[in-house]
Protein backbone atom coordinates (compact mmCIF):
# COMPACT_ATOMS: atom_id res chain seq x y z
CA UNK A 1 61.24 -267.50 -62.02
CA UNK A 2 63.34 -264.74 -59.60
CA UNK A 3 65.59 -262.44 -61.14
CA UNK A 4 67.63 -259.94 -59.30
CA UNK A 5 70.58 -258.03 -59.45
CA UNK A 6 73.09 -257.53 -56.75
CA UNK A 7 72.43 -254.64 -54.28
CA UNK A 8 69.31 -253.72 -55.77
CA UNK A 9 65.49 -255.06 -54.68
CA UNK A 10 63.89 -258.34 -56.24
CA UNK A 11 62.71 -257.14 -59.55
CA UNK A 12 60.19 -260.03 -60.70
CA UNK A 13 59.21 -262.99 -58.87
CA UNK A 14 57.37 -265.96 -60.76
CA UNK A 15 56.86 -269.30 -59.70
CA UNK A 16 58.20 -271.96 -62.46
CA UNK A 17 56.56 -275.35 -63.28
CA UNK A 18 59.36 -277.69 -63.89
CA UNK A 19 59.04 -281.46 -64.88
CA UNK A 20 60.30 -282.64 -61.62
CA UNK A 21 58.98 -281.33 -58.35
CA UNK A 22 62.37 -280.93 -56.88
CA UNK A 23 62.88 -277.56 -58.11
CA UNK A 24 61.05 -275.16 -56.29
CA UNK A 25 62.32 -271.87 -58.13
CA UNK A 26 65.12 -270.47 -59.92
CA UNK A 27 67.06 -267.33 -59.19
CA UNK A 28 69.26 -265.63 -61.65
CA UNK A 29 71.85 -262.94 -60.46
CA UNK A 30 73.60 -260.52 -63.00
CA UNK A 31 76.83 -259.19 -61.11
CA UNK A 32 77.08 -255.47 -61.72
CA UNK A 33 80.17 -253.75 -62.72
CA UNK A 34 82.26 -252.36 -59.57
CA UNK A 35 81.58 -255.77 -57.84
CA UNK A 36 84.84 -257.13 -55.91
CA UNK A 37 85.70 -260.62 -56.34
CA UNK A 38 84.00 -262.93 -53.50
CA UNK A 39 83.84 -266.59 -53.09
CA UNK A 40 80.65 -268.21 -54.84
CA UNK A 41 79.87 -269.94 -51.58
CA UNK A 42 80.01 -266.90 -49.72
CA UNK A 43 78.13 -264.45 -52.29
CA UNK A 44 75.12 -267.00 -52.36
CA UNK A 45 74.74 -266.95 -48.56
CA UNK A 46 74.95 -263.24 -48.47
CA UNK A 47 72.40 -262.64 -51.23
CA UNK A 48 70.04 -265.85 -50.91
CA UNK A 49 68.62 -265.31 -47.06
CA UNK A 50 67.41 -268.95 -46.88
CA UNK A 51 70.88 -270.33 -47.61
CA UNK A 52 73.21 -271.48 -45.34
CA UNK A 53 77.00 -271.78 -46.36
CA UNK A 54 76.95 -275.15 -46.45
CA UNK A 55 73.73 -275.42 -48.43
CA UNK A 56 75.15 -273.05 -50.72
CA UNK A 57 78.21 -275.25 -51.30
CA UNK A 58 75.83 -278.40 -51.57
CA UNK A 59 73.79 -276.87 -54.53
CA UNK A 60 77.43 -275.81 -56.19
CA UNK A 61 78.79 -279.07 -56.13
CA UNK A 62 75.38 -280.71 -56.98
CA UNK A 63 75.35 -278.53 -60.22
CA UNK A 64 72.36 -276.68 -59.25
CA UNK A 65 74.50 -273.49 -59.91
CA UNK A 66 75.74 -272.37 -63.41
CA UNK A 67 78.15 -269.37 -64.18
CA UNK A 68 77.19 -267.81 -67.74
CA UNK A 69 75.24 -271.15 -68.42
CA UNK A 70 78.21 -273.19 -67.63
CA UNK A 71 78.16 -276.15 -65.23
CA UNK A 72 81.12 -277.26 -63.11
CA UNK A 73 81.21 -274.20 -60.80
CA UNK A 74 83.19 -274.50 -57.78
CA UNK A 75 82.45 -273.05 -54.07
CA UNK A 76 85.65 -271.19 -54.33
CA UNK A 77 84.99 -269.49 -57.46
CA UNK A 78 85.32 -265.86 -57.56
CA UNK A 79 82.53 -264.06 -58.83
CA UNK A 80 83.34 -261.11 -61.09
CA UNK A 81 81.67 -258.07 -62.93
CA UNK A 82 79.33 -259.50 -65.83
CA UNK A 83 78.82 -262.99 -64.94
CA UNK A 84 75.13 -264.54 -64.56
CA UNK A 85 74.77 -266.67 -61.78
CA UNK A 86 71.97 -268.89 -62.28
CA UNK A 87 70.83 -270.95 -58.74
CA UNK A 88 67.86 -273.78 -58.73
CA UNK A 89 66.23 -273.95 -55.24
CA UNK A 90 65.52 -277.73 -54.46
CA UNK A 91 62.81 -278.57 -52.40
CA UNK A 92 63.26 -280.93 -49.22
CA UNK A 93 61.14 -283.30 -47.33
CA UNK A 94 59.06 -280.62 -44.80
CA UNK A 95 60.84 -280.83 -41.48
CA UNK A 96 58.73 -281.52 -38.24
CA UNK A 97 60.59 -280.50 -34.96
CA UNK A 98 60.96 -283.43 -32.73
CA UNK A 99 60.58 -283.47 -28.84
CA UNK A 100 63.82 -283.25 -26.59
CA UNK A 101 63.93 -282.94 -22.70
CA UNK A 102 64.81 -279.52 -22.57
CA UNK A 103 64.08 -277.62 -19.48
CA UNK A 104 61.80 -274.38 -20.14
CA UNK A 105 60.76 -271.49 -17.71
CA UNK A 106 57.32 -271.39 -17.65
CA UNK A 107 55.98 -268.34 -16.07
CA UNK A 108 52.10 -268.84 -16.26
CA UNK A 109 49.76 -271.00 -18.27
CA UNK A 110 46.44 -271.97 -18.73
CA UNK A 111 44.71 -274.61 -21.02
CA UNK A 112 45.19 -272.17 -24.10
CA UNK A 113 48.37 -270.12 -23.48
CA UNK A 114 51.93 -270.41 -22.07
CA UNK A 115 54.37 -267.91 -21.21
CA UNK A 116 58.16 -268.73 -21.32
CA UNK A 117 61.03 -266.81 -19.92
CA UNK A 118 63.43 -267.76 -22.94
CA UNK A 119 67.11 -267.51 -21.92
CA UNK A 120 69.85 -265.92 -24.17
CA UNK A 121 71.52 -268.48 -26.68
CA UNK A 122 68.36 -270.52 -27.24
CA UNK A 123 66.79 -270.34 -30.85
CA UNK A 124 63.09 -270.47 -30.97
CA UNK A 125 62.15 -272.79 -33.74
CA UNK A 126 64.24 -275.22 -35.90
CA UNK A 127 65.97 -273.79 -39.07
CA UNK A 128 69.07 -274.59 -41.27
CA UNK A 129 71.96 -275.13 -38.88
CA UNK A 130 69.86 -275.62 -35.82
CA UNK A 131 67.57 -278.70 -36.23
CA UNK A 132 67.63 -279.44 -32.30
CA UNK A 133 68.11 -277.61 -29.05
CA UNK A 134 65.50 -275.04 -29.48
CA UNK A 135 62.47 -273.74 -27.65
CA UNK A 136 60.05 -275.71 -29.85
CA UNK A 137 61.92 -279.08 -29.32
CA UNK A 138 61.59 -278.29 -25.68
CA UNK A 139 58.08 -277.40 -25.91
CA UNK A 140 57.09 -280.47 -27.73
CA UNK A 141 58.55 -282.58 -24.82
CA UNK A 142 56.12 -280.87 -22.42
CA UNK A 143 52.98 -280.35 -24.44
CA UNK A 144 52.73 -283.21 -27.09
CA UNK A 145 50.41 -281.46 -29.34
CA UNK A 146 50.81 -277.87 -30.34
CA UNK A 147 48.63 -276.39 -33.12
CA UNK A 148 50.29 -276.32 -36.67
CA UNK A 149 51.49 -272.48 -37.42
CA UNK A 150 50.93 -271.05 -40.86
CA UNK A 151 54.53 -270.15 -40.78
CA UNK A 152 55.27 -273.97 -41.12
CA UNK A 153 55.77 -277.08 -39.45
CA UNK A 154 59.11 -276.19 -37.54
CA UNK A 155 57.19 -273.44 -35.81
CA UNK A 156 53.94 -275.11 -33.96
CA UNK A 157 52.05 -272.79 -31.48
CA UNK A 158 54.31 -269.77 -32.23
CA UNK A 159 52.86 -266.43 -33.21
CA UNK A 160 55.97 -264.19 -32.75
CA UNK A 161 59.59 -264.93 -32.06
CA UNK A 162 62.88 -263.50 -30.47
CA UNK A 163 66.20 -263.72 -32.19
CA UNK A 164 68.65 -266.40 -30.57
CA UNK A 165 70.67 -263.95 -28.19
CA UNK A 166 67.77 -261.91 -26.91
CA UNK A 167 66.12 -263.00 -23.78
CA UNK A 168 62.78 -262.58 -22.35
CA UNK A 169 59.42 -263.29 -22.74
CA UNK A 170 57.47 -265.29 -25.42
CA UNK A 171 54.09 -266.29 -25.76
CA UNK A 172 53.17 -269.72 -27.03
CA UNK A 173 49.43 -270.99 -27.95
CA UNK A 174 48.72 -274.73 -26.62
CA UNK A 175 45.36 -275.00 -28.88
CA UNK A 176 43.05 -273.48 -31.16
CA UNK A 177 41.43 -271.29 -31.66
CA UNK A 178 43.75 -269.41 -29.39
CA UNK A 179 46.61 -269.42 -31.86
CA UNK A 180 44.71 -267.81 -34.75
CA UNK A 181 43.18 -265.38 -32.31
CA UNK A 182 46.48 -264.50 -30.78
CA UNK A 183 47.95 -264.17 -34.21
CA UNK A 184 45.26 -261.16 -34.70
CA UNK A 185 46.29 -259.52 -31.86
CA UNK A 186 49.89 -259.46 -33.09
CA UNK A 187 48.81 -258.40 -36.74
CA UNK A 188 46.73 -255.57 -35.14
CA UNK A 189 49.42 -254.70 -32.94
CA UNK A 190 47.36 -254.46 -29.67
CA UNK A 191 50.06 -256.44 -27.66
CA UNK A 192 52.23 -254.35 -25.20
CA UNK A 193 55.65 -255.53 -25.54
CA UNK A 194 58.58 -253.69 -23.60
CA UNK A 195 62.24 -254.24 -24.03
CA UNK A 196 65.29 -252.97 -22.14
CA UNK A 197 68.67 -252.68 -23.68
CA UNK A 198 71.87 -251.15 -22.96
CA UNK A 199 73.10 -249.17 -25.80
CA UNK A 200 76.10 -247.41 -27.27
CA UNK A 201 76.19 -243.45 -26.30
CA UNK A 202 73.68 -241.54 -24.33
CA UNK A 203 70.94 -240.02 -26.13
CA UNK A 204 70.18 -236.54 -26.23
CA UNK A 205 66.56 -236.44 -25.15
CA UNK A 206 64.93 -238.39 -22.62
CA UNK A 207 62.74 -240.10 -25.06
CA UNK A 208 61.71 -240.22 -28.49
CA UNK A 209 60.03 -242.26 -31.75
CA UNK A 210 61.94 -244.22 -34.34
CA UNK A 211 59.73 -244.47 -37.26
CA UNK A 212 61.55 -245.80 -40.22
CA UNK A 213 60.59 -248.64 -42.53
CA UNK A 214 62.31 -251.83 -42.67
CA UNK A 215 63.32 -254.21 -45.30
CA UNK A 216 66.12 -256.75 -45.99
CA UNK A 217 69.51 -255.56 -46.40
CA UNK A 218 70.48 -255.71 -50.02
CA UNK A 219 74.30 -256.57 -49.21
CA UNK A 220 73.32 -259.24 -46.75
CA UNK A 221 70.27 -260.97 -47.11
CA UNK A 222 70.49 -262.44 -43.67
CA UNK A 223 70.05 -258.82 -42.19
CA UNK A 224 67.56 -256.00 -42.17
CA UNK A 225 67.99 -252.53 -42.96
CA UNK A 226 66.08 -248.84 -42.98
CA UNK A 227 64.60 -248.97 -46.38
CA UNK A 228 62.15 -246.56 -48.25
CA UNK A 229 60.40 -249.48 -49.95
CA UNK A 230 60.48 -251.41 -46.53
CA UNK A 231 57.38 -252.38 -44.38
CA UNK A 232 56.31 -249.71 -41.57
CA UNK A 233 58.36 -250.05 -38.24
CA UNK A 234 57.87 -247.90 -35.16
CA UNK A 235 59.84 -248.18 -31.99
CA UNK A 236 59.41 -245.94 -28.90
CA UNK A 237 62.44 -245.38 -26.89
CA UNK A 238 62.91 -243.91 -23.11
CA UNK A 239 66.27 -243.29 -21.61
CA UNK A 240 66.22 -244.94 -18.30
CA UNK A 241 69.98 -243.85 -17.19
CA UNK A 242 72.83 -242.43 -19.28
CA UNK A 243 76.64 -243.26 -18.49
CA UNK A 244 79.91 -242.25 -19.96
CA UNK A 245 79.49 -244.09 -23.41
CA UNK A 246 76.61 -246.18 -22.63
CA UNK A 247 72.90 -245.96 -22.09
CA UNK A 248 69.82 -247.83 -20.47
CA UNK A 249 67.18 -247.76 -22.42
CA UNK A 250 63.36 -249.00 -22.63
CA UNK A 251 62.12 -249.97 -25.83
CA UNK A 252 58.21 -250.16 -26.90
CA UNK A 253 57.29 -252.03 -30.01
CA UNK A 254 54.72 -250.36 -32.20
CA UNK A 255 55.23 -252.85 -34.90
CA UNK A 256 56.95 -256.20 -34.76
CA UNK A 257 59.48 -256.70 -37.55
CA UNK A 258 62.23 -258.80 -37.79
CA UNK A 259 65.41 -257.28 -35.77
CA UNK A 260 63.10 -254.11 -35.60
CA UNK A 261 64.67 -253.08 -32.14
CA UNK A 262 68.42 -253.84 -33.22
CA UNK A 263 68.29 -251.94 -36.70
CA UNK A 264 66.24 -249.03 -35.73
CA UNK A 265 68.61 -248.42 -32.85
CA UNK A 266 71.71 -248.90 -34.96
CA UNK A 267 70.46 -246.58 -37.68
CA UNK A 268 70.26 -243.83 -34.71
CA UNK A 269 73.83 -244.66 -33.87
CA UNK A 270 72.93 -246.22 -30.45
CA UNK A 271 73.32 -250.06 -31.50
CA UNK A 272 72.65 -252.55 -28.91
CA UNK A 273 75.80 -253.19 -26.81
CA UNK A 274 77.39 -256.44 -27.64
CA UNK A 275 75.59 -256.77 -30.85
CA UNK A 276 77.99 -258.41 -33.52
CA UNK A 277 75.47 -258.06 -36.75
CA UNK A 278 74.63 -254.29 -36.08
CA UNK A 279 77.61 -252.34 -35.12
CA UNK A 280 77.50 -253.03 -31.55
CA UNK A 281 80.89 -254.60 -30.64
CA UNK A 282 84.26 -253.35 -32.18
CA UNK A 283 82.74 -250.78 -34.55
CA UNK A 284 82.43 -248.09 -31.55
CA UNK A 285 85.75 -248.80 -30.06
CA UNK A 286 87.37 -246.18 -32.49
CA UNK A 287 85.23 -243.20 -30.84
CA UNK A 288 86.40 -243.91 -27.36
CA UNK A 289 89.60 -242.78 -25.58
CA UNK A 290 92.26 -245.17 -24.80
CA UNK A 291 90.70 -245.29 -21.17
CA UNK A 292 87.16 -246.09 -22.27
CA UNK A 293 88.74 -248.45 -24.87
CA UNK A 294 90.24 -250.74 -21.94
CA UNK A 295 86.96 -250.38 -20.04
CA UNK A 296 84.85 -251.13 -22.92
CA UNK A 297 87.15 -254.10 -23.80
CA UNK A 298 86.72 -255.73 -20.73
CA UNK A 299 82.74 -255.50 -20.48
CA UNK A 300 82.63 -257.27 -23.98
CA UNK A 301 84.70 -259.80 -22.97
CA UNK A 302 82.15 -260.86 -20.41
CA UNK A 303 79.12 -259.80 -22.55
CA UNK A 304 78.99 -262.39 -25.14
CA UNK A 305 75.62 -261.09 -26.92
CA UNK A 306 73.62 -258.19 -27.59
CA UNK A 307 72.06 -256.90 -24.41
CA UNK A 308 68.56 -256.89 -25.19
CA UNK A 309 65.90 -258.35 -22.91
CA UNK A 310 62.02 -258.73 -23.74
CA UNK A 311 61.02 -257.34 -20.23
CA UNK A 312 57.29 -257.27 -19.96
CA UNK A 313 54.18 -258.55 -22.12
CA UNK A 314 50.58 -257.72 -21.76
CA UNK A 315 47.48 -258.50 -23.77
CA UNK A 316 43.82 -259.43 -23.39
CA UNK A 317 43.45 -262.84 -23.37
CA UNK A 318 42.16 -264.12 -26.58
CA UNK A 319 39.47 -266.91 -25.03
CA UNK A 320 38.85 -265.52 -21.47
CA UNK A 321 39.07 -261.61 -22.47
CA UNK A 322 41.03 -261.19 -19.25
CA UNK A 323 43.91 -258.70 -19.09
CA UNK A 324 46.97 -260.27 -18.68
CA UNK A 325 50.39 -258.72 -17.76
CA UNK A 326 53.72 -260.57 -17.13
CA UNK A 327 57.20 -259.24 -16.25
CA UNK A 328 60.62 -260.99 -16.54
CA UNK A 329 63.54 -259.93 -14.38
CA UNK A 330 66.79 -258.72 -16.22
CA UNK A 331 69.20 -261.75 -16.60
CA UNK A 332 72.50 -262.16 -14.93
CA UNK A 333 74.88 -260.59 -17.82
CA UNK A 334 72.57 -257.49 -18.15
CA UNK A 335 72.65 -256.75 -14.29
CA UNK A 336 76.20 -257.35 -14.13
CA UNK A 337 76.95 -254.62 -16.46
CA UNK A 338 74.25 -252.36 -15.12
CA UNK A 339 75.79 -252.63 -11.88
CA UNK A 340 79.17 -251.79 -13.51
CA UNK A 341 77.90 -248.71 -15.05
CA UNK A 342 76.28 -247.37 -11.95
CA UNK A 343 79.30 -248.19 -9.69
CA UNK A 344 81.50 -246.40 -11.97
CA UNK A 345 79.28 -243.54 -12.46
CA UNK A 346 79.04 -242.92 -8.78
CA UNK A 347 82.81 -243.23 -8.36
CA UNK A 348 83.37 -240.66 -11.03
CA UNK A 349 80.77 -238.38 -9.25
CA UNK A 350 82.71 -238.73 -6.04
CA UNK A 351 85.85 -238.13 -7.51
CA UNK A 352 84.74 -234.84 -9.19
CA UNK A 353 82.93 -233.71 -5.65
CA UNK A 354 86.30 -234.47 -4.00
CA UNK A 355 88.46 -232.42 -6.08
CA UNK A 356 89.68 -229.19 -4.43
CA UNK A 357 88.56 -225.70 -6.14
CA UNK A 358 91.66 -224.05 -7.38
CA UNK A 359 92.32 -220.55 -5.87
CA UNK A 360 91.17 -218.98 -9.19
CA UNK A 361 87.85 -220.99 -8.97
CA UNK A 362 87.38 -220.00 -5.27
CA UNK A 363 88.09 -216.34 -6.06
CA UNK A 364 85.40 -216.27 -9.15
C-alpha cells in the first residue's frame, strides 16, 4: 500500500496482493492542516501523476475513492484538512499502439536506427489522453515491427523522448540489439545533445553549469522541481545572443531527466519563452515596462509553445561503431522570433548612434 501526505515525499511503497487482480495498488493521502479547499478530482489529478482528470472522475464515480472510509464521494467534493482519502488504482488491459499513416521527417536511417526530426505539437508515444496521432503511431505505419521497450508496450523502439511542444531530433531503434545498446549509451550519458532556446532575461555571464537535482514537484505530480532528494541533473548553457528582455541560448545535457532544461532554466530565473508550465508566459510580464509588455504580448500571441529545439544529436553507432552527428534547422516559429529580436536590437542601436549629443556632453 502506498502512503503519502500532501506536499511531502512518498513515505512507503508496498505492493498489495488483493483477491482480484484488478487492483494494482492503494494510495492513502492525509490532508494536512492549512490545506485550502479544492475539488477532489482536481486534487487527485495533481497528486497522482498517472491520473488524468477524466480518469480521476471515473475512479471517484466507480467507488474506487473513499473519504474517511466513506464511499459515495463526488468529483466536486472539496477536500479539507484532516480528511483521509484512499484511492485504489485499477489495472487496465495493456495498450498497444496502432499504426497510423502520419508523415514523419526522416533525417537518416540504416537497418538499425532511424533519426526523426519531430515537429512541435506531436506527442512521442501514446499515453492517457493521447492514444493516437503520436510519433509511435506514425512510426508503426512505416516500420511494422519495432523492438519492445522495457518502458512499456506503447513505447516500441524508444530510448528517449521529447516533450510534446519541444521540437527536434530523436533517435528510434528499428531492431535489437541496437535498442538495448542505445539505451546503455543514454544511461552512461555518452550521447551528445544540444538544444537551443529563447529564454527570458539576459544571463549575467557568457556560460555556466546548472547542477541541481530534480524530482517530482510535491505540489503538482505532473511537473518536476529542484529537490535536494532528487536525481542528479546537470545542464550546461551558453548565451549566444542577448536582447532587451530575452536571450538566445544553447543548452547541452549531461544527464537526461524529464523536463530537465525547462525546470533548470526556470529555477535560475530564465524560463523558456512561451513555456506555460514553468513560468515562461504571463508570469514574467509584471517585470516589464509598459512598452516591453506590449512587445512581449505580441510575441506570445504568435508563439504558442515553449521555444525549445533539439538542434543536434551525436553518438557512436551501437552496431557499426561509426561516429554519427545530425543537425536540425530551427523551426519557423523559433526563427521568426529570433529575427524579430535581432531586427529590434539593430533598430535600437541605430537610434542610439543617431541621437545627437547635448552641448554638455560635447563639452565634457
